[in-house]
PDB file of all heavy atoms in Angstrom:
ATOM      1  N   LEU A   1       0.861  -1.223   0.020  1.00  0.00           N
ATOM      2  CA  LEU A   1       0.020   0.002  -0.029  1.00  0.00           C
ATOM      3  C   LEU A   1       0.827   1.261   0.040  1.00  0.00           C
ATOM      4  O   LEU A   1       0.328   2.338  -0.185  1.00  0.00           O
ATOM      5  CB  LEU A   1      -0.930   0.031   1.225  1.00  0.00           C
ATOM      6  CG  LEU A   1      -1.991  -1.071   1.256  1.00  0.00           C
ATOM      7  CD1 LEU A   1      -2.886  -0.882   2.510  1.00  0.00           C
ATOM      8  CD2 LEU A   1      -2.889  -1.003   0.017  1.00  0.00           C
ATOM      9  N   PHE A   2       2.203   1.101   0.266  1.00  0.00           N
ATOM     10  CA  PHE A   2       3.039   2.245   0.196  1.00  0.00           C
ATOM     11  C   PHE A   2       4.097   1.954  -0.883  1.00  0.00           C
ATOM     12  O   PHE A   2       3.726   1.650  -2.043  1.00  0.00           O
ATOM     13  CB  PHE A   2       3.622   2.388   1.594  1.00  0.00           C
ATOM     14  CG  PHE A   2       2.597   2.831   2.607  1.00  0.00           C
ATOM     15  CD1 PHE A   2       1.748   1.869   3.271  1.00  0.00           C
ATOM     16  CD2 PHE A   2       2.365   4.210   2.860  1.00  0.00           C
ATOM     17  CE1 PHE A   2       0.816   2.229   4.153  1.00  0.00           C
ATOM     18  CE2 PHE A   2       1.350   4.567   3.809  1.00  0.00           C
ATOM     19  CZ  PHE A   2       0.618   3.591   4.430  1.00  0.00           C
ATOM     20  N   ALA A   3       5.375   2.068  -0.587  1.00  0.00           N
ATOM     21  CA  ALA A   3       6.387   1.871  -1.658  1.00  0.00           C
ATOM     22  C   ALA A   3       6.627   0.409  -1.952  1.00  0.00           C
ATOM     23  O   ALA A   3       6.282  -0.544  -1.093  1.00  0.00           O
ATOM     24  CB  ALA A   3       7.729   2.428  -1.168  1.00  0.00           C
ATOM     25  N   ALA A   4       7.092   0.081  -3.132  1.00  0.00           N
ATOM     26  CA  ALA A   4       7.308  -1.287  -3.548  1.00  0.00           C
ATOM     27  C   ALA A   4       8.320  -1.986  -2.594  1.00  0.00           C
ATOM     28  O   ALA A   4       8.344  -3.254  -2.412  1.00  0.00           O
ATOM     29  CB  ALA A   4       7.819  -1.392  -4.941  1.00  0.00           C
ATOM     30  N   GLU A   5       9.129  -1.181  -1.946  1.00  0.00           N
ATOM     31  CA  GLU A   5      10.165  -1.690  -1.010  1.00  0.00           C
ATOM     32  C   GLU A   5       9.581  -1.961   0.364  1.00  0.00           C
ATOM     33  O   GLU A   5      10.301  -2.336   1.340  1.00  0.00           O
ATOM     34  CB  GLU A   5      11.282  -0.707  -0.836  1.00  0.00           C
ATOM     35  CG  GLU A   5      12.090  -0.448  -2.107  1.00  0.00           C
ATOM     36  CD  GLU A   5      11.512   0.637  -3.043  1.00  0.00           C
ATOM     37  OE1 GLU A   5      10.410   1.089  -2.738  1.00  0.00           O
ATOM     38  OE2 GLU A   5      12.186   0.985  -3.984  1.00  0.00           O
ATOM     39  N   GLN A   6       8.236  -1.792   0.506  1.00  0.00           N
ATOM     40  CA  GLN A   6       7.563  -1.987   1.757  1.00  0.00           C
ATOM     41  C   GLN A   6       6.357  -3.024   1.630  1.00  0.00           C
ATOM     42  O   GLN A   6       5.208  -2.705   1.614  1.00  0.00           O
ATOM     43  CB  GLN A   6       6.991  -0.669   2.281  1.00  0.00           C
ATOM     44  CG  GLN A   6       8.057   0.354   2.597  1.00  0.00           C
ATOM     45  CD  GLN A   6       7.509   1.730   2.795  1.00  0.00           C
ATOM     46  OE1 GLN A   6       6.979   2.303   1.844  1.00  0.00           O
ATOM     47  NE2 GLN A   6       7.575   2.214   4.027  1.00  0.00           N
ATOM     48  N   PRO A   7       6.651  -4.316   1.412  1.00  0.00           N
ATOM     49  CA  PRO A   7       5.619  -5.304   1.300  1.00  0.00           C
ATOM     50  C   PRO A   7       4.703  -5.427   2.454  1.00  0.00           C
ATOM     51  O   PRO A   7       5.166  -5.479   3.618  1.00  0.00           O
ATOM     52  CB  PRO A   7       6.403  -6.630   1.020  1.00  0.00           C
ATOM     53  CG  PRO A   7       7.783  -6.364   1.632  1.00  0.00           C
ATOM     54  CD  PRO A   7       8.031  -4.904   1.426  1.00  0.00           C
ATOM     55  N   ASP A   8       3.421  -5.487   2.251  1.00  0.00           N
ATOM     56  CA  ASP A   8       2.369  -5.579   3.365  1.00  0.00           C
ATOM     57  C   ASP A   8       2.468  -6.966   3.930  1.00  0.00           C
ATOM     58  O   ASP A   8       2.483  -7.970   3.280  1.00  0.00           O
ATOM     59  CB  ASP A   8       1.051  -5.257   2.785  1.00  0.00           C
ATOM     60  CG  ASP A   8       0.743  -3.796   2.629  1.00  0.00           C
ATOM     61  OD1 ASP A   8       1.720  -3.072   2.315  1.00  0.00           O
ATOM     62  OD2 ASP A   8      -0.370  -3.357   2.731  1.00  0.00           O
ATOM     63  N   LEU A   9       2.330  -6.978   5.279  1.00  0.00           N
ATOM     64  CA  LEU A   9       2.190  -8.151   5.994  1.00  0.00           C
ATOM     65  C   LEU A   9       0.805  -8.693   6.110  1.00  0.00           C
ATOM     66  O   LEU A   9      -0.155  -7.900   6.034  1.00  0.00           O
ATOM     67  CB  LEU A   9       2.781  -7.956   7.475  1.00  0.00           C
ATOM     68  CG  LEU A   9       4.207  -7.654   7.667  1.00  0.00           C
ATOM     69  CD1 LEU A   9       4.541  -7.050   9.029  1.00  0.00           C
ATOM     70  CD2 LEU A   9       5.087  -8.988   7.431  1.00  0.00           C
ATOM     71  N   ASN A  10       0.717 -10.035   6.224  1.00  0.00           N
ATOM     72  CA  ASN A  10      -0.603 -10.618   6.345  1.00  0.00           C
ATOM     73  C   ASN A  10      -0.951 -10.917   7.809  1.00  0.00           C
ATOM     74  O   ASN A  10      -0.372 -11.829   8.399  1.00  0.00           O
ATOM     75  CB  ASN A  10      -0.673 -11.944   5.512  1.00  0.00           C
ATOM     76  CG  ASN A  10      -1.917 -12.670   5.709  1.00  0.00           C
ATOM     77  OD1 ASN A  10      -2.920 -12.237   6.321  1.00  0.00           O
ATOM     78  ND2 ASN A  10      -2.037 -13.838   5.108  1.00  0.00           N
ATOM     79  N   TRP A  11      -1.788 -10.077   8.418  1.00  0.00           N
ATOM     80  CA  TRP A  11      -2.010 -10.179   9.844  1.00  0.00           C
ATOM     81  C   TRP A  11      -2.941 -11.379  10.241  1.00  0.00           C
ATOM     82  O   TRP A  11      -3.315 -11.439  11.411  1.00  0.00           O
ATOM     83  CB  TRP A  11      -2.578  -8.846  10.370  1.00  0.00           C
ATOM     84  CG  TRP A  11      -1.431  -7.991  10.704  1.00  0.00           C
ATOM     85  CD1 TRP A  11      -0.761  -7.158   9.811  1.00  0.00           C
ATOM     86  CD2 TRP A  11      -0.768  -7.824  11.980  1.00  0.00           C
ATOM     87  NE1 TRP A  11       0.309  -6.512  10.539  1.00  0.00           N
ATOM     88  CE2 TRP A  11       0.245  -6.956  11.845  1.00  0.00           C
ATOM     89  CE3 TRP A  11      -1.004  -8.455  13.157  1.00  0.00           C
ATOM     90  CZ2 TRP A  11       1.161  -6.589  12.902  1.00  0.00           C
ATOM     91  CZ3 TRP A  11      -0.122  -8.122  14.230  1.00  0.00           C
ATOM     92  CH2 TRP A  11       0.910  -7.235  14.009  1.00  0.00           C
ATOM     93  N   THR A  12      -3.354 -12.238   9.297  1.00  0.00           N
ATOM     94  CA  THR A  12      -3.991 -13.394   9.671  1.00  0.00           C
ATOM     95  C   THR A  12      -3.061 -14.521   9.947  1.00  0.00           C
ATOM     96  O   THR A  12      -3.434 -15.567  10.347  1.00  0.00           O
ATOM     97  CB  THR A  12      -5.030 -13.874   8.545  1.00  0.00           C
ATOM     98  OG1 THR A  12      -4.351 -14.249   7.402  1.00  0.00           O
ATOM     99  CG2 THR A  12      -6.013 -12.768   8.250  1.00  0.00           C
ATOM    100  N   HIS A  13      -1.764 -14.313   9.674  1.00  0.00           N
ATOM    101  CA  HIS A  13      -0.731 -15.297   9.896  1.00  0.00           C
ATOM    102  C   HIS A  13      -0.236 -15.196  11.336  1.00  0.00           C
ATOM    103  O   HIS A  13       0.126 -14.177  11.843  1.00  0.00           O
ATOM    104  CB  HIS A  13       0.376 -15.154   8.927  1.00  0.00           C
ATOM    105  CG  HIS A  13       1.297 -16.327   8.817  1.00  0.00           C
ATOM    106  ND1 HIS A  13       2.037 -16.803   9.834  1.00  0.00           N
ATOM    107  CD2 HIS A  13       1.492 -17.233   7.717  1.00  0.00           C
ATOM    108  CE1 HIS A  13       2.754 -17.861   9.470  1.00  0.00           C
ATOM    109  NE2 HIS A  13       2.395 -18.136   8.169  1.00  0.00           N
ATOM    110  N   PRO A  14      -0.230 -16.385  12.039  1.00  0.00           N
ATOM    111  CA  PRO A  14       0.148 -16.321  13.469  1.00  0.00           C
ATOM    112  C   PRO A  14       1.604 -15.843  13.696  1.00  0.00           C
ATOM    113  O   PRO A  14       1.913 -15.274  14.763  1.00  0.00           O
ATOM    114  CB  PRO A  14      -0.004 -17.797  13.927  1.00  0.00           C
ATOM    115  CG  PRO A  14      -0.036 -18.557  12.690  1.00  0.00           C
ATOM    116  CD  PRO A  14      -0.652 -17.741  11.666  1.00  0.00           C
ATOM    117  N   ASP A  15       2.509 -16.077  12.722  1.00  0.00           N
ATOM    118  CA  ASP A  15       3.904 -15.588  12.826  1.00  0.00           C
ATOM    119  C   ASP A  15       3.912 -14.072  12.999  1.00  0.00           C
ATOM    120  O   ASP A  15       4.670 -13.491  13.739  1.00  0.00           O
ATOM    121  CB  ASP A  15       4.771 -16.064  11.742  1.00  0.00           C
ATOM    122  CG  ASP A  15       5.048 -17.542  11.696  1.00  0.00           C
ATOM    123  OD1 ASP A  15       4.693 -18.226  12.701  1.00  0.00           O
ATOM    124  OD2 ASP A  15       5.723 -17.980  10.692  1.00  0.00           O
ATOM    125  N   VAL A  16       3.070 -13.391  12.178  1.00  0.00           N
ATOM    126  CA  VAL A  16       3.055 -11.933  12.181  1.00  0.00           C
ATOM    127  C   VAL A  16       2.575 -11.437  13.537  1.00  0.00           C
ATOM    128  O   VAL A  16       3.151 -10.471  14.110  1.00  0.00           O
ATOM    129  CB  VAL A  16       2.169 -11.424  11.004  1.00  0.00           C
ATOM    130  CG1 VAL A  16       2.078  -9.934  11.049  1.00  0.00           C
ATOM    131  CG2 VAL A  16       2.779 -11.859   9.678  1.00  0.00           C
ATOM    132  N   VAL A  17       1.516 -12.020  14.016  1.00  0.00           N
ATOM    133  CA  VAL A  17       0.878 -11.572  15.309  1.00  0.00           C
ATOM    134  C   VAL A  17       1.934 -11.814  16.454  1.00  0.00           C
ATOM    135  O   VAL A  17       2.202 -10.893  17.239  1.00  0.00           O
ATOM    136  CB  VAL A  17      -0.393 -12.383  15.633  1.00  0.00           C
ATOM    137  CG1 VAL A  17      -0.865 -12.048  17.038  1.00  0.00           C
ATOM    138  CG2 VAL A  17      -1.416 -12.119  14.533  1.00  0.00           C
ATOM    139  N   ARG A  18       2.569 -12.930  16.458  1.00  0.00           N
ATOM    140  CA  ARG A  18       3.470 -13.294  17.564  1.00  0.00           C
ATOM    141  C   ARG A  18       4.738 -12.488  17.490  1.00  0.00           C
ATOM    142  O   ARG A  18       5.225 -12.032  18.497  1.00  0.00           O
ATOM    143  CB  ARG A  18       3.829 -14.858  17.490  1.00  0.00           C
ATOM    144  CG  ARG A  18       4.705 -15.393  18.575  1.00  0.00           C
ATOM    145  CD  ARG A  18       4.825 -16.858  18.501  1.00  0.00           C
ATOM    146  NE  ARG A  18       5.098 -17.439  17.176  1.00  0.00           N
ATOM    147  CZ  ARG A  18       4.242 -18.098  16.400  1.00  0.00           C
ATOM    148  NH1 ARG A  18       3.035 -18.298  16.864  1.00  0.00           N
ATOM    149  NH2 ARG A  18       4.612 -18.504  15.273  1.00  0.00           N
ATOM    150  N   GLU A  19       5.240 -12.237  16.275  1.00  0.00           N
ATOM    151  CA  GLU A  19       6.503 -11.507  16.227  1.00  0.00           C
ATOM    152  C   GLU A  19       6.302 -10.078  16.690  1.00  0.00           C
ATOM    153  O   GLU A  19       7.177  -9.530  17.351  1.00  0.00           O
ATOM    154  CB  GLU A  19       6.942 -11.505  14.736  1.00  0.00           C
ATOM    155  CG  GLU A  19       8.075 -10.520  14.371  1.00  0.00           C
ATOM    156  CD  GLU A  19       9.416 -10.822  15.001  1.00  0.00           C
ATOM    157  OE1 GLU A  19       9.517 -11.786  15.776  1.00  0.00           O
ATOM    158  OE2 GLU A  19      10.336 -10.040  14.782  1.00  0.00           O
ATOM    159  N   HIS A  20       5.273  -9.466  16.340  1.00  0.00           N
ATOM    160  CA  HIS A  20       5.017  -8.068  16.818  1.00  0.00           C
ATOM    161  C   HIS A  20       4.882  -7.899  18.307  1.00  0.00           C
ATOM    162  O   HIS A  20       5.302  -6.930  18.908  1.00  0.00           O
ATOM    163  CB  HIS A  20       3.923  -7.379  15.964  1.00  0.00           C
ATOM    164  CG  HIS A  20       4.345  -7.020  14.584  1.00  0.00           C
ATOM    165  ND1 HIS A  20       4.497  -7.886  13.540  1.00  0.00           N
ATOM    166  CD2 HIS A  20       4.764  -5.787  14.102  1.00  0.00           C
ATOM    167  CE1 HIS A  20       4.903  -7.322  12.499  1.00  0.00           C
ATOM    168  NE2 HIS A  20       5.027  -6.077  12.771  1.00  0.00           N
ATOM    169  N   GLU A  21       4.176  -8.917  18.927  1.00  0.00           N
ATOM    170  CA  GLU A  21       4.047  -8.858  20.311  1.00  0.00           C
ATOM    171  C   GLU A  21       5.423  -9.096  21.004  1.00  0.00           C
ATOM    172  O   GLU A  21       5.728  -8.379  22.054  1.00  0.00           O
ATOM    173  CB  GLU A  21       3.080  -9.936  20.841  1.00  0.00           C
ATOM    174  CG  GLU A  21       1.649  -9.569  20.373  1.00  0.00           C
ATOM    175  CD  GLU A  21       0.650 -10.699  20.722  1.00  0.00           C
ATOM    176  OE1 GLU A  21       0.994 -11.648  21.408  1.00  0.00           O
ATOM    177  OE2 GLU A  21      -0.545 -10.539  20.278  1.00  0.00           O
ATOM    178  N   ASP A  22       6.290  -9.855  20.398  1.00  0.00           N
ATOM    179  CA  ASP A  22       7.619 -10.025  20.914  1.00  0.00           C
ATOM    180  C   ASP A  22       8.433  -8.732  20.726  1.00  0.00           C
ATOM    181  O   ASP A  22       9.234  -8.382  21.646  1.00  0.00           O
ATOM    182  CB  ASP A  22       8.338 -11.166  20.171  1.00  0.00           C
ATOM    183  CG  ASP A  22       7.837 -12.565  20.605  1.00  0.00           C
ATOM    184  OD1 ASP A  22       7.109 -12.597  21.609  1.00  0.00           O
ATOM    185  OD2 ASP A  22       8.155 -13.517  19.936  1.00  0.00           O
ATOM    186  N   ILE A  23       8.236  -8.021  19.697  1.00  0.00           N
ATOM    187  CA  ILE A  23       8.901  -6.737  19.445  1.00  0.00           C
ATOM    188  C   ILE A  23       8.526  -5.674  20.487  1.00  0.00           C
ATOM    189  O   ILE A  23       9.359  -5.031  21.080  1.00  0.00           O
ATOM    190  CB  ILE A  23       8.617  -6.200  18.014  1.00  0.00           C
ATOM    191  CG1 ILE A  23       9.337  -7.041  16.980  1.00  0.00           C
ATOM    192  CG2 ILE A  23       9.042  -4.759  17.908  1.00  0.00           C
ATOM    193  CD1 ILE A  23       8.819  -6.796  15.533  1.00  0.00           C
ATOM    194  N   LEU A  24       7.204  -5.692  20.818  1.00  0.00           N
ATOM    195  CA  LEU A  24       6.766  -4.766  21.834  1.00  0.00           C
ATOM    196  C   LEU A  24       7.490  -5.106  23.195  1.00  0.00           C
ATOM    197  O   LEU A  24       8.022  -4.219  23.857  1.00  0.00           O
ATOM    198  CB  LEU A  24       5.320  -4.897  22.105  1.00  0.00           C
ATOM    199  CG  LEU A  24       4.317  -4.520  20.924  1.00  0.00           C
ATOM    200  CD1 LEU A  24       2.875  -4.613  21.421  1.00  0.00           C
ATOM    201  CD2 LEU A  24       4.646  -3.204  20.414  1.00  0.00           C
ATOM    202  N   ARG A  25       7.529  -6.379  23.538  1.00  0.00           N
ATOM    203  CA  ARG A  25       8.198  -6.785  24.815  1.00  0.00           C
ATOM    204  C   ARG A  25       9.699  -6.389  24.786  1.00  0.00           C
ATOM    205  O   ARG A  25      10.301  -6.010  25.794  1.00  0.00           O
ATOM    206  CB  ARG A  25       7.940  -8.238  25.080  1.00  0.00           C
ATOM    207  CG  ARG A  25       6.498  -8.599  25.339  1.00  0.00           C
ATOM    208  CD  ARG A  25       6.344 -10.068  25.799  1.00  0.00           C
ATOM    209  NE  ARG A  25       4.951 -10.416  25.934  1.00  0.00           N
ATOM    210  CZ  ARG A  25       4.214 -11.002  24.984  1.00  0.00           C
ATOM    211  NH1 ARG A  25       4.767 -11.299  23.793  1.00  0.00           N
ATOM    212  NH2 ARG A  25       2.988 -11.321  25.259  1.00  0.00           N
ATOM    213  N   PHE A  26      10.313  -6.634  23.612  1.00  0.00           N
ATOM    214  CA  PHE A  26      11.738  -6.364  23.538  1.00  0.00           C
ATOM    215  C   PHE A  26      12.066  -4.927  23.867  1.00  0.00           C
ATOM    216  O   PHE A  26      13.007  -4.643  24.678  1.00  0.00           O
ATOM    217  CB  PHE A  26      12.172  -6.607  22.088  1.00  0.00           C
ATOM    218  CG  PHE A  26      13.649  -6.328  21.779  1.00  0.00           C
ATOM    219  CD1 PHE A  26      14.584  -7.411  22.028  1.00  0.00           C
ATOM    220  CD2 PHE A  26      14.088  -5.120  21.366  1.00  0.00           C
ATOM    221  CE1 PHE A  26      15.997  -7.113  21.731  1.00  0.00           C
ATOM    222  CE2 PHE A  26      15.424  -4.893  21.047  1.00  0.00           C
ATOM    223  CZ  PHE A  26      16.346  -5.848  21.295  1.00  0.00           C
ATOM    224  N   TRP A  27      11.307  -4.021  23.423  1.00  0.00           N
ATOM    225  CA  TRP A  27      11.528  -2.546  23.690  1.00  0.00           C
ATOM    226  C   TRP A  27      10.972  -2.115  25.054  1.00  0.00           C
ATOM    227  O   TRP A  27      11.536  -1.284  25.698  1.00  0.00           O
ATOM    228  CB  TRP A  27      11.009  -1.742  22.559  1.00  0.00           C
ATOM    229  CG  TRP A  27      11.968  -1.832  21.371  1.00  0.00           C
ATOM    230  CD1 TRP A  27      11.680  -2.562  20.184  1.00  0.00           C
ATOM    231  CD2 TRP A  27      13.210  -1.256  21.271  1.00  0.00           C
ATOM    232  NE1 TRP A  27      12.783  -2.458  19.420  1.00  0.00           N
ATOM    233  CE2 TRP A  27      13.714  -1.703  20.017  1.00  0.00           C
ATOM    234  CE3 TRP A  27      14.049  -0.488  22.069  1.00  0.00           C
ATOM    235  CZ2 TRP A  27      15.025  -1.344  19.593  1.00  0.00           C
ATOM    236  CZ3 TRP A  27      15.287  -0.203  21.619  1.00  0.00           C
ATOM    237  CH2 TRP A  27      15.833  -0.611  20.398  1.00  0.00           C
ATOM    238  N   PHE A  28       9.809  -2.677  25.429  1.00  0.00           N
ATOM    239  CA  PHE A  28       9.261  -2.341  26.761  1.00  0.00           C
ATOM    240  C   PHE A  28      10.259  -2.750  27.812  1.00  0.00           C
ATOM    241  O   PHE A  28      10.463  -2.090  28.845  1.00  0.00           O
ATOM    242  CB  PHE A  28       7.920  -2.982  26.965  1.00  0.00           C
ATOM    243  CG  PHE A  28       6.789  -2.365  26.154  1.00  0.00           C
ATOM    244  CD1 PHE A  28       5.613  -3.055  25.935  1.00  0.00           C
ATOM    245  CD2 PHE A  28       6.865  -1.022  25.696  1.00  0.00           C
ATOM    246  CE1 PHE A  28       4.581  -2.425  25.215  1.00  0.00           C
ATOM    247  CE2 PHE A  28       5.823  -0.418  25.024  1.00  0.00           C
ATOM    248  CZ  PHE A  28       4.625  -1.208  24.768  1.00  0.00           C
ATOM    249  N   ASP A  29      10.847  -3.890  27.614  1.00  0.00           N
ATOM    250  CA  ASP A  29      11.848  -4.453  28.594  1.00  0.00           C
ATOM    251  C   ASP A  29      13.024  -3.513  28.725  1.00  0.00           C
ATOM    252  O   ASP A  29      13.766  -3.580  29.732  1.00  0.00           O
ATOM    253  CB  ASP A  29      12.334  -5.839  28.255  1.00  0.00           C
ATOM    254  CG  ASP A  29      11.186  -6.858  28.467  1.00  0.00           C
ATOM    255  OD1 ASP A  29      10.213  -6.608  29.044  1.00  0.00           O
ATOM    256  OD2 ASP A  29      11.416  -8.016  27.916  1.00  0.00           O
ATOM    257  N   ARG A  30      13.328  -2.727  27.731  1.00  0.00           N
ATOM    258  CA  ARG A  30      14.491  -1.830  27.802  1.00  0.00           C
ATOM    259  C   ARG A  30      14.116  -0.397  28.205  1.00  0.00           C
ATOM    260  O   ARG A  30      14.874   0.564  27.989  1.00  0.00           O
ATOM    261  CB  ARG A  30      15.143  -1.797  26.377  1.00  0.00           C
ATOM    262  CG  ARG A  30      15.968  -3.047  26.097  1.00  0.00           C
ATOM    263  CD  ARG A  30      16.204  -3.435  24.730  1.00  0.00           C
ATOM    264  NE  ARG A  30      17.102  -4.595  24.629  1.00  0.00           N
ATOM    265  CZ  ARG A  30      16.716  -5.792  24.821  1.00  0.00           C
ATOM    266  NH1 ARG A  30      15.429  -6.040  25.106  1.00  0.00           N
ATOM    267  NH2 ARG A  30      17.612  -6.755  24.828  1.00  0.00           N
TER     268      ARG A  30
END
């Protein structure tokens, strides 16, 4: 939906959901 260098993620995939929650924790922990 933006630049060709920015492929959209599929948020129905469990990997996408899990990875972003892990990213939140990674930075909140810091």
